[in-house]
Amino acid sequence: MKIAIPTNDRKTIADRTGRAKEFALIELIGKEVKSIEYKTNTHEHNHNHHESESHSHSDLVEMLAGVDIVLLINLGNHLKSDLDKAQIPYQQTSFSTIEEALAKF
C-alpha cells in the first residue's frame, strides 16, 4: 500500500495540504514501512485567487497519481474536487504526526 502524507518538516502532517512543502510517499507492507520517499510540492498557489476563479491542483494531483490513499488534516474545496476527479482516495485524520497516523491507520 502506498500512502501520501503532506508535511513541512518530515515529522508532522501539514495543516494546509495544498501548501505543504512536500509529501511523504510511504510504502507499507502489512504494518511495516518498506520505504519512504519525499517529493517536493511544486504546486504554487496564487494567493489572490477568488472562489469564482479557476484554480487547479493538476500538478499536485499528477504527483499523487498511483497512491492508494492520501492522509491529511484539512482539505480545501478545490483540492477535494481535483482529487475526486482523479479518483485519488483521501482520508482526514486528527493525528498531528506522521508516526501516529501510520500507527493508527
Protein backbone atom coordinates (compact mmCIF):
# COMPACT_ATOMS: atom_id res chain seq x y z
CA MET A 1 0.00 0.00 0.00
CA LYS A 2 1.30 3.45 -0.91
CA ILE A 3 0.24 6.35 1.35
CA ALA A 4 0.88 10.05 0.73
CA ILE A 5 1.06 12.49 3.64
CA PRO A 6 1.60 16.27 3.33
CA THR A 7 4.41 17.56 5.55
CA ASN A 8 6.56 20.63 6.12
CA ASP A 9 9.14 19.03 8.41
CA ARG A 10 9.05 15.27 7.67
CA LYS A 11 7.58 14.64 11.16
CA THR A 12 4.19 16.31 11.36
CA ILE A 13 1.23 16.36 8.99
CA ALA A 14 0.87 19.78 7.36
CA ASP A 15 -2.32 21.68 8.19
CA ARG A 16 -2.59 23.10 4.66
CA THR A 17 -2.41 20.15 2.28
CA GLY A 18 -2.03 22.12 -0.95
CA ARG A 19 0.61 24.38 0.56
CA ALA A 20 2.69 21.63 2.19
CA LYS A 21 6.41 21.83 1.48
CA GLU A 22 6.48 18.19 0.40
CA PHE A 23 4.67 14.87 0.53
CA ALA A 24 5.92 11.75 2.25
CA LEU A 25 5.23 8.79 -0.04
CA ILE A 26 5.23 5.79 2.24
CA GLU A 27 5.08 2.21 1.04
CA LEU A 28 3.67 -0.23 3.58
CA ILE A 29 3.71 -3.99 3.55
CA GLY A 30 1.25 -5.01 6.23
CA LYS A 31 2.07 -2.60 9.06
CA GLU A 32 5.77 -2.41 8.19
CA VAL A 33 7.23 0.62 6.41
CA LYS A 34 9.07 -0.67 3.36
CA SER A 35 10.18 2.73 2.04
CA ILE A 36 9.68 6.47 2.43
CA GLU A 37 10.29 8.92 -0.38
CA TYR A 38 9.80 12.68 -0.08
CA LYS A 39 8.58 14.63 -3.09
CA THR A 40 8.64 18.40 -3.21
CA ASN A 41 5.24 20.00 -3.67
CA THR A 42 5.71 22.13 -6.78
CA HIS A 43 2.13 23.41 -6.66
CA GLU A 44 2.17 27.18 -6.49
CA HIS A 45 -0.83 28.96 -5.07
CA ASN A 46 -2.00 32.27 -6.34
CA HIS A 47 -2.88 33.84 -3.01
CA ASN A 48 -5.05 36.43 -4.74
CA HIS A 49 -7.44 33.98 -6.40
CA HIS A 50 -11.13 34.16 -5.67
CA GLU A 51 -13.54 31.28 -5.24
CA SER A 52 -15.14 32.04 -8.59
CA GLU A 53 -11.81 31.93 -10.47
CA SER A 54 -10.35 28.80 -11.94
CA HIS A 55 -8.00 27.09 -9.51
CA SER A 56 -6.28 23.83 -10.35
CA HIS A 57 -4.12 21.40 -8.43
CA SER A 58 -3.27 19.38 -11.54
CA ASP A 59 0.46 19.33 -10.77
CA LEU A 60 -0.18 18.09 -7.25
CA VAL A 61 -2.72 15.52 -8.45
CA GLU A 62 -0.21 14.28 -11.03
CA MET A 63 2.40 13.80 -8.30
CA LEU A 64 -0.10 11.82 -6.20
CA ALA A 65 -1.17 9.54 -9.06
CA GLY A 66 -0.69 5.92 -8.10
CA VAL A 67 -1.04 6.31 -4.33
CA ASP A 68 -3.63 4.19 -2.59
CA ILE A 69 -4.66 6.95 -0.17
CA VAL A 70 -3.72 10.46 0.96
CA LEU A 71 -3.85 11.01 4.73
CA LEU A 72 -4.43 14.67 5.56
CA ILE A 73 -5.73 17.03 8.20
CA ASN A 74 -7.50 19.65 6.07
CA LEU A 75 -8.81 19.61 2.53
CA GLY A 76 -9.93 22.68 0.63
CA ASN A 77 -12.83 22.55 -1.81
CA HIS A 78 -10.66 22.94 -4.92
CA LEU A 79 -8.23 20.19 -3.94
CA LYS A 80 -11.12 17.94 -2.86
CA SER A 81 -12.72 18.38 -6.26
CA ASP A 82 -9.45 17.69 -8.10
CA LEU A 83 -8.70 14.56 -6.03
CA ASP A 84 -12.26 13.31 -6.58
CA LYS A 85 -11.99 13.85 -10.35
CA ALA A 86 -8.67 11.96 -10.42
CA GLN A 87 -10.19 9.21 -8.23
CA ILE A 88 -7.42 9.55 -5.65
CA PRO A 89 -8.75 8.38 -2.27
CA TYR A 90 -8.12 10.51 0.80
CA GLN A 91 -8.89 10.31 4.49
CA GLN A 92 -8.82 13.06 7.07
CA THR A 93 -7.01 12.36 10.31
CA SER A 94 -6.89 14.13 13.65
CA PHE A 95 -3.34 12.94 14.36
CA SER A 96 -0.64 15.56 14.13
CA THR A 97 2.39 13.36 13.44
CA ILE A 98 3.11 11.02 10.55
CA GLU A 99 4.15 8.32 13.00
CA GLU A 100 0.82 8.47 14.89
CA ALA A 101 -1.23 8.44 11.69
CA LEU A 102 0.62 5.40 10.33
CA ALA A 103 0.33 3.53 13.64
CA LYS A 104 -3.45 4.04 13.73
CA PHE A 105 -4.09 3.60 10.01
